[in-house]
Amino acid sequence: MHRTRNAVPRTHTVRLAACALLATATALLGCERGSSGGPDETETGSGGCPAVQNRALETVAVAERRDIPWGGPTRGPEAVSGKTIVYVAQTMTNPGVAGAAEGVREAARAIGWDVRVIDGGGTPAGIQAAMSEAVSLKPSGIVIGGFDPDSTAQQAARANAQRIPLIGWHAVPDPGPSRRPDLFTNVTTRVQDVARISAQWIISHSDGRAGVVVITDASIPFAKYKSDLIREELARCEGVRLLSVENIPIPDASSRTPRAISSLLSRFQDRWTHSVAINDLYFADAAPAFRAAGEKGSGPPFNIGAGDGDPSAFQRINSRQYQAATVPEPLTLQGWQIVDEFNRAFSGRPASGYTAPVHIATAGNSEGTESWDPTGYREAYRRIWGR
């Protein structure tokens, strides 16, 4: 089913200097969404939203910069020797989870520690079993890789009782230490920033006139919170129409996403101009359905991933094959941060407090790379550890 589609116009407004942009980035005011048209489709006006558009253009321009200097820690305890870390993965089929695990492995080699990865397989029972195995190994520390610690509350309580520090990667919505659940720290970008900038990219890219599909996994509180924030930000622009919110569990993405895409194309046709998913992996599974329907790889619909920025997402973006942008996590950096945070925990020091900035990667600024990896962090951590 091939449909003739017109590309969405792009505003060619001159973007202002970054120092003048950040002052407005946190105070987005402007148009509010109009009346609601039904459970699957929110009706809005068709006139755009100039005030919101201008602010979106400004914040997107800042996020698309690549020349971001290292803003993380430069001081901390020297390396503690002889430690073993267990990384419990929600599922290693999630590229973000796997990418962070690889970053932990790389950093562990640099500091001289051992790492074991246990795959939870993406099911509650599998994750609980993996966490139980991790605690039974009595490691120096455990990483909660991409799942809700409350889903393994008994195992986490046993780890806490044994004074095994727990560090989360995307385990709770906010970065930093957590009391409930008890985490030494949680390593992630700020979900509020990721959600807002992905929605602002759509507003900017569409000149405030878009028909949007949101794809999420409501079984993961972190993911649902992210997609709810995306919807709130899109609602600031009266020219944006929310066509549908698709709830597809990540472990089922490969089987359910193609069917969902085919159905959405049939239902909305040319009204569907943009998509945003809480994880890039959905667009890997969506590509065959778009291709089978005769859609151009360069869009529309123009697709942006609100995480995690794995290599396959960059490949799709750089080749303009059914993904236009991503808000990537600096996965390798975050793996190094996790190791540094453990070293602080083992040394009786507080968490570093560092949170990586948000970034938007497109074919225009990724320069053919397959990851978002700020410079300077390896050297900084090695200096801290004395390695």
Protein backbone atom coordinates (compact mmCIF):
# COMPACT_ATOMS: atom_id res chain seq x y z
CA MET A 1 0.00 0.00 0.00
CA HIS A 2 1.88 3.03 -1.24
CA ARG A 3 0.55 6.46 -0.34
CA THR A 4 1.72 9.77 -1.71
CA ARG A 5 2.76 11.95 1.20
CA ASN A 6 3.98 15.50 1.39
CA ALA A 7 6.98 16.23 3.56
CA VAL A 8 6.35 18.43 6.59
CA PRO A 9 7.85 21.92 6.15
CA ARG A 10 10.82 22.86 8.29
CA THR A 11 11.25 26.36 9.71
CA HIS A 12 14.57 27.91 8.72
CA THR A 13 14.68 30.33 11.62
CA VAL A 14 18.13 31.45 12.69
CA ARG A 15 18.85 29.78 16.01
CA LEU A 16 20.07 31.96 18.82
CA ALA A 17 23.23 31.58 20.87
CA ALA A 18 23.16 28.95 23.60
CA CYS A 19 23.70 31.41 26.43
CA ALA A 20 20.44 33.12 25.57
CA LEU A 21 18.56 29.90 25.03
CA LEU A 22 18.88 28.08 28.31
CA ALA A 23 17.13 30.86 30.20
CA THR A 24 13.89 30.04 28.44
CA ALA A 25 14.26 26.27 28.19
CA THR A 26 12.76 25.55 31.58
CA ALA A 27 9.76 27.86 31.34
CA LEU A 28 7.75 26.64 28.39
CA LEU A 29 4.50 28.55 28.26
CA GLY A 30 2.19 29.09 25.35
CA CYS A 31 -0.58 27.37 23.50
CA GLU A 32 -2.69 24.78 25.26
CA ARG A 33 -4.32 21.81 23.55
CA GLY A 34 -7.88 22.26 22.42
CA SER A 35 -10.82 19.90 22.75
CA SER A 36 -10.49 16.15 22.92
CA GLY A 37 -11.81 14.12 20.02
CA GLY A 38 -11.93 10.62 21.49
CA PRO A 39 -9.90 7.87 23.17
CA ASP A 40 -7.49 7.33 20.27
CA GLU A 41 -7.25 10.77 18.75
CA THR A 42 -6.99 14.20 20.30
CA GLU A 43 -8.34 16.94 18.08
CA THR A 44 -6.46 20.21 18.02
CA GLY A 45 -6.37 23.39 16.06
CA SER A 46 -4.43 23.67 12.80
CA GLY A 47 -2.68 26.98 13.32
CA GLY A 48 0.55 25.87 15.02
CA CYS A 49 1.79 27.50 18.21
CA PRO A 50 4.34 30.28 17.51
CA ALA A 51 5.47 30.89 21.09
CA VAL A 52 5.97 27.21 21.83
CA GLN A 53 7.61 26.68 18.42
CA ASN A 54 10.18 29.40 19.04
CA ARG A 55 11.14 27.97 22.40
CA ALA A 56 11.30 24.47 20.92
CA LEU A 57 13.64 25.70 18.17
CA GLU A 58 15.93 27.23 20.79
CA THR A 59 16.14 24.21 23.08
CA VAL A 60 16.56 21.79 20.18
CA ALA A 61 19.46 23.87 18.85
CA VAL A 62 21.23 23.54 22.18
CA ALA A 63 20.58 19.79 22.38
CA GLU A 64 21.93 19.19 18.87
CA ARG A 65 25.36 20.58 19.75
CA ARG A 66 28.20 18.06 19.83
CA ASP A 67 30.91 20.23 21.40
CA ILE A 68 29.91 19.62 25.01
CA PRO A 69 32.88 19.62 27.41
CA TRP A 70 33.16 17.08 30.23
CA GLY A 71 31.02 18.30 33.10
CA GLY A 72 31.34 15.30 35.40
CA PRO A 73 33.47 14.66 38.46
CA THR A 74 37.19 15.35 38.46
CA ARG A 75 37.84 14.30 42.06
CA GLY A 76 37.08 11.18 44.04
CA PRO A 77 38.59 8.17 45.79
CA GLU A 78 41.37 6.12 44.26
CA ALA A 79 40.47 2.68 42.98
CA VAL A 80 39.55 0.02 45.53
CA SER A 81 40.96 -3.31 44.41
CA GLY A 82 39.52 -6.82 44.19
CA LYS A 83 35.84 -6.05 43.64
CA THR A 84 33.22 -8.07 41.76
CA ILE A 85 30.11 -6.51 40.21
CA VAL A 86 26.99 -8.33 39.02
CA TYR A 87 24.91 -6.57 36.38
CA VAL A 88 21.31 -7.82 36.42
CA ALA A 89 19.75 -6.96 33.06
CA GLN A 90 16.03 -6.51 32.49
CA THR A 91 16.70 -8.09 29.09
CA MET A 92 19.82 -8.04 26.97
CA THR A 93 17.60 -7.68 23.90
CA ASN A 94 17.04 -4.10 25.06
CA PRO A 95 19.94 -2.26 23.36
CA GLY A 96 20.11 0.38 26.08
CA VAL A 97 20.43 -2.20 28.84
CA ALA A 98 23.04 -4.10 26.81
CA GLY A 99 24.96 -0.93 25.96
CA ALA A 100 25.20 0.15 29.57
CA ALA A 101 26.35 -3.36 30.50
CA GLU A 102 29.14 -3.14 27.94
CA GLY A 103 30.16 0.22 29.40
CA VAL A 104 30.36 -1.38 32.86
CA ARG A 105 32.53 -4.16 31.46
CA GLU A 106 34.89 -1.67 29.81
CA ALA A 107 35.22 0.47 32.93
CA ALA A 108 35.71 -2.60 35.13
CA ARG A 109 38.66 -3.65 33.00
CA ALA A 110 40.13 -0.20 33.43
CA ILE A 111 39.77 -0.22 37.22
CA GLY A 112 40.70 -3.91 37.62
CA TRP A 113 37.40 -5.47 38.71
CA ASP A 114 35.42 -8.52 37.63
CA VAL A 115 31.92 -8.27 36.14
CA ARG A 116 29.22 -10.86 35.58
CA VAL A 117 26.03 -10.14 33.61
CA ILE A 118 22.83 -12.08 34.39
CA ASP A 119 19.98 -11.70 31.87
CA GLY A 120 16.47 -11.50 33.32
CA GLY A 121 14.94 -12.24 29.92
CA GLY A 122 12.35 -9.48 30.15
CA THR A 123 9.84 -11.39 32.30
CA PRO A 124 8.96 -10.78 35.97
CA ALA A 125 9.88 -14.35 36.89
CA GLY A 126 13.13 -14.19 34.96
CA ILE A 127 14.17 -10.89 36.50
CA GLN A 128 13.38 -12.14 40.01
CA ALA A 129 15.39 -15.30 39.39
CA ALA A 130 18.30 -13.28 38.03
CA MET A 131 18.24 -10.98 41.04
CA SER A 132 18.09 -13.95 43.43
CA GLU A 133 21.12 -15.46 41.71
CA ALA A 134 22.98 -12.16 41.92
CA VAL A 135 22.40 -11.85 45.68
CA SER A 136 23.41 -15.49 46.26
CA LEU A 137 26.77 -14.81 44.62
CA LYS A 138 27.54 -12.25 47.38
CA PRO A 139 29.22 -9.78 45.03
CA SER A 140 30.68 -6.44 46.03
CA GLY A 141 27.85 -4.62 44.25
CA ILE A 142 24.79 -5.22 42.06
CA VAL A 143 23.55 -3.15 39.13
CA ILE A 144 19.78 -3.01 38.61
CA GLY A 145 19.80 -2.73 34.84
CA GLY A 146 16.63 -1.20 33.46
CA PHE A 147 13.90 -2.64 35.69
CA ASP A 148 11.83 -1.46 38.64
CA PRO A 149 13.55 -2.45 41.93
CA ASP A 150 10.11 -2.87 43.53
CA SER A 151 9.56 -5.87 41.25
CA THR A 152 12.39 -7.61 43.11
CA ALA A 153 11.73 -6.09 46.53
CA GLN A 154 12.55 -9.27 48.48
CA GLN A 155 15.85 -9.79 46.70
CA ALA A 156 16.77 -6.11 47.05
CA ALA A 157 15.99 -6.27 50.78
CA ARG A 158 18.35 -9.25 51.14
CA ALA A 159 21.08 -7.32 49.32
CA ASN A 160 20.51 -4.31 51.58
CA ALA A 161 20.68 -6.57 54.67
CA GLN A 162 24.00 -7.95 53.44
CA ARG A 163 25.23 -4.40 52.79
CA ILE A 164 25.67 -5.05 49.09
CA PRO A 165 25.29 -1.63 47.47
CA LEU A 166 22.72 -1.41 44.67
CA ILE A 167 23.13 1.00 41.79
CA GLY A 168 20.39 1.45 39.23
CA TRP A 169 20.57 2.15 35.53
CA HIS A 170 17.16 3.56 34.53
CA ALA A 171 15.80 1.83 37.62
CA VAL A 172 13.78 4.78 38.94
CA PRO A 173 12.70 7.99 37.18
CA ASP A 174 15.20 10.36 38.79
CA PRO A 175 19.00 10.31 38.79
CA GLY A 176 20.88 10.18 42.09
CA PRO A 177 20.46 8.36 45.42
CA SER A 178 17.12 6.78 46.33
CA ARG A 179 15.77 5.87 49.76
CA ARG A 180 12.68 3.97 48.60
CA PRO A 181 13.83 1.80 46.93
CA ASP A 182 17.23 1.86 48.63
CA LEU A 183 19.77 2.60 45.88
CA PHE A 184 23.20 4.12 46.41
CA THR A 185 22.43 6.04 43.23
CA ASN A 186 20.53 5.74 39.94
CA VAL A 187 22.38 6.50 36.71
CA THR A 188 20.26 8.02 33.97
CA THR A 189 19.65 11.24 32.14
CA ARG A 190 16.71 13.17 33.56
CA VAL A 191 13.62 11.58 32.10
CA GLN A 192 11.87 14.96 32.17
CA ASP A 193 14.58 16.42 29.91
CA VAL A 194 14.53 13.47 27.51
CA ALA A 195 10.74 13.48 27.21
CA ARG A 196 10.47 17.22 26.70
CA ILE A 197 13.26 17.54 24.15
CA SER A 198 11.86 14.68 22.03
CA ALA A 199 8.44 16.37 21.98
CA GLN A 200 10.06 19.74 21.28
CA TRP A 201 11.91 18.21 18.33
CA ILE A 202 8.56 17.17 16.85
CA ILE A 203 7.10 20.64 17.40
CA SER A 204 10.19 22.26 15.89
CA HIS A 205 10.50 19.85 12.97
CA SER A 206 6.82 20.12 12.03
CA ASP A 207 6.45 23.89 12.39
CA GLY A 208 3.91 23.14 15.10
CA ARG A 209 1.63 21.05 12.87
CA ALA A 210 1.93 17.31 13.41
CA GLY A 211 -0.08 14.14 13.77
CA VAL A 212 1.77 12.07 16.33
CA VAL A 213 1.85 8.43 17.44
CA VAL A 214 3.45 7.70 20.82
CA ILE A 215 4.83 4.20 21.50
CA THR A 216 5.47 3.12 25.08
CA ASP A 217 5.68 0.15 27.45
CA ALA A 218 3.19 0.86 30.22
CA SER A 219 4.38 -2.17 32.20
CA ILE A 220 7.59 -0.31 33.08
CA PRO A 221 6.85 2.67 35.37
CA PHE A 222 9.89 4.56 34.08
CA ALA A 223 8.75 4.15 30.47
CA LYS A 224 5.14 5.08 31.19
CA TYR A 225 6.24 8.17 33.08
CA LYS A 226 8.38 9.17 30.11
CA SER A 227 5.55 8.77 27.60
CA ASP A 228 3.16 10.69 29.87
CA LEU A 229 5.65 13.57 29.96
CA ILE A 230 5.97 13.45 26.16
CA ARG A 231 2.21 13.76 25.83
CA GLU A 232 2.14 16.71 28.24
CA GLU A 233 4.80 18.53 26.24
CA LEU A 234 3.09 17.86 22.90
CA ALA A 235 -0.13 19.21 24.41
CA ARG A 236 1.47 22.63 24.76
CA CYS A 237 1.14 23.11 21.00
CA GLU A 238 -2.39 23.52 19.70
CA GLY A 239 -1.31 22.50 16.19
CA VAL A 240 -0.22 19.02 17.31
CA ARG A 241 -2.70 16.16 17.15
CA LEU A 242 -2.09 13.06 19.26
CA LEU A 243 -3.36 10.26 17.02
CA SER A 244 -2.67 7.25 19.22
CA VAL A 245 -0.71 5.92 22.18
CA GLU A 246 0.49 2.37 21.47
CA ASN A 247 1.30 0.23 24.51
CA ILE A 248 3.74 -2.47 23.36
CA PRO A 249 5.80 -4.30 26.01
CA ILE A 250 9.47 -4.26 25.05
CA PRO A 251 9.85 -8.08 25.19
CA ASP A 252 6.96 -8.32 22.67
CA ALA A 253 8.17 -5.53 20.40
CA SER A 254 9.43 -7.75 17.59
CA SER A 255 6.08 -9.52 17.17
CA ARG A 256 3.62 -6.74 17.99
CA THR A 257 5.22 -3.63 16.50
CA PRO A 258 4.90 -4.59 12.80
CA ARG A 259 1.19 -5.36 13.24
CA ALA A 260 0.64 -2.10 15.10
CA ILE A 261 2.42 -0.08 12.40
CA SER A 262 0.36 -1.66 9.62
CA SER A 263 -2.84 -0.89 11.50
CA LEU A 264 -1.80 2.70 12.20
CA LEU A 265 -0.91 3.33 8.56
CA SER A 266 -4.32 2.06 7.51
CA ARG A 267 -6.18 4.12 10.12
CA PHE A 268 -4.41 7.46 9.87
CA GLN A 269 -2.74 7.55 6.44
CA ASP A 270 -1.40 11.05 5.69
CA ARG A 271 -2.49 12.42 9.06
CA TRP A 272 0.37 10.48 10.66
CA THR A 273 3.43 12.73 10.27
CA HIS A 274 5.59 11.99 13.34
CA SER A 275 6.22 9.23 15.88
CA VAL A 276 8.02 9.17 19.21
CA ALA A 277 8.91 5.95 21.06
CA ILE A 278 10.29 5.54 24.56
CA ASN A 279 13.00 3.28 23.09
CA ASP A 280 14.65 3.20 19.66
CA LEU A 281 14.20 -0.55 19.33
CA TYR A 282 10.57 -0.10 18.29
CA PHE A 283 11.69 1.51 15.03
CA ALA A 284 13.93 -1.46 14.22
CA ASP A 285 10.80 -3.62 14.38
CA ALA A 286 8.67 -1.00 12.60
CA ALA A 287 10.94 -0.68 9.56
CA PRO A 288 9.73 -3.84 7.74
CA ALA A 289 6.10 -2.74 8.08
CA PHE A 290 6.88 0.75 6.77
CA ARG A 291 8.84 -0.77 3.90
CA ALA A 292 6.09 -3.22 3.03
CA ALA A 293 3.59 -0.35 2.89
CA GLY A 294 5.77 1.55 0.43
CA GLU A 295 6.71 4.32 2.84
CA LYS A 296 9.92 6.21 2.15
CA GLY A 297 12.73 5.64 4.61
CA SER A 298 13.24 9.38 4.94
CA GLY A 299 9.65 9.88 6.09
CA PRO A 300 6.99 10.91 6.81
CA PRO A 301 6.27 9.72 9.37
CA PHE A 302 9.41 11.18 10.92
CA ASN A 303 10.39 9.01 13.87
CA ILE A 304 12.35 10.02 16.98
CA GLY A 305 13.42 7.71 19.78
CA ALA A 306 13.33 9.10 23.31
CA GLY A 307 16.16 6.69 24.28
CA ASP A 308 18.42 4.82 24.17
CA GLY A 309 20.60 5.61 21.16
CA ASP A 310 22.01 2.17 20.39
CA PRO A 311 24.18 1.60 17.27
CA SER A 312 21.29 0.28 15.17
CA ALA A 313 19.35 3.51 15.81
CA PHE A 314 22.29 5.56 14.55
CA GLN A 315 22.54 3.30 11.50
CA ARG A 316 18.87 3.92 10.67
CA ILE A 317 19.29 7.66 11.22
CA ASN A 318 22.47 7.99 9.16
CA SER A 319 21.01 5.97 6.29
CA ARG A 320 17.62 7.72 6.60
CA GLN A 321 15.78 4.45 7.01
CA TYR A 322 12.62 4.97 9.07
CA GLN A 323 14.19 6.97 11.87
CA ALA A 324 15.05 10.67 11.79
CA ALA A 325 16.43 11.33 15.28
CA THR A 326 17.14 9.93 18.71
CA VAL A 327 17.71 11.33 22.19
CA PRO A 328 20.51 8.92 23.03
CA GLU A 329 21.82 7.91 26.39
CA PRO A 330 25.63 8.09 26.54
CA LEU A 331 25.63 4.38 27.32
CA THR A 332 29.36 3.76 27.57
CA LEU A 333 29.84 6.86 29.71
CA GLN A 334 27.05 5.70 32.00
CA GLY A 335 28.75 2.32 32.39
CA TRP A 336 31.91 4.12 33.50
CA GLN A 337 29.85 6.28 35.85
CA ILE A 338 28.31 3.18 37.43
CA VAL A 339 31.77 1.79 38.19
CA ASP A 340 32.90 5.13 39.61
CA GLU A 341 29.80 5.32 41.80
CA PHE A 342 30.51 1.83 43.16
CA ASN A 343 34.07 2.91 43.92
CA ARG A 344 32.67 5.83 45.92
CA ALA A 345 30.30 3.49 47.77
CA PHE A 346 33.12 1.07 48.61
CA SER A 347 35.19 4.01 49.88
CA GLY A 348 32.45 5.35 52.14
CA ARG A 349 31.99 8.43 49.97
CA PRO A 350 28.71 9.92 48.71
CA ALA A 351 27.49 9.57 45.14
CA SER A 352 29.01 11.95 42.60
CA GLY A 353 25.76 13.74 41.73
CA TYR A 354 26.62 13.76 38.03
CA THR A 355 23.87 13.58 35.40
CA ALA A 356 24.71 13.50 31.68
CA PRO A 357 23.12 16.22 29.53
CA VAL A 358 20.49 15.45 26.90
CA HIS A 359 21.50 15.36 23.25
CA ILE A 360 19.62 14.98 19.95
CA ALA A 361 21.35 12.98 17.24
CA THR A 362 20.34 13.35 13.59
CA ALA A 363 21.96 12.52 10.27
CA GLY A 364 23.12 16.13 10.19
CA ASN A 365 25.14 16.07 13.41
CA SER A 366 26.05 12.43 14.10
CA GLU A 367 28.85 12.53 11.49
CA GLY A 368 28.40 8.85 10.70
CA THR A 369 29.03 7.68 14.27
CA GLU A 370 27.02 4.93 15.93
CA SER A 371 26.79 6.28 19.47
CA TRP A 372 26.60 9.43 21.54
CA ASP A 373 29.70 9.51 23.70
CA PRO A 374 30.91 12.82 25.16
CA THR A 375 34.65 13.26 25.27
CA GLY A 376 36.94 13.40 28.27
CA TYR A 377 35.23 11.05 30.71
CA ARG A 378 37.59 8.08 30.36
CA GLU A 379 40.60 10.26 31.08
CA ALA A 380 38.81 11.96 33.98
CA TYR A 381 37.81 8.69 35.65
CA ARG A 382 41.23 7.14 35.15
CA ARG A 383 42.82 10.14 36.84
CA ILE A 384 40.39 9.86 39.74
CA TRP A 385 41.10 6.13 40.16
CA GLY A 386 44.85 6.46 39.72
CA ARG A 387 44.74 4.15 36.70
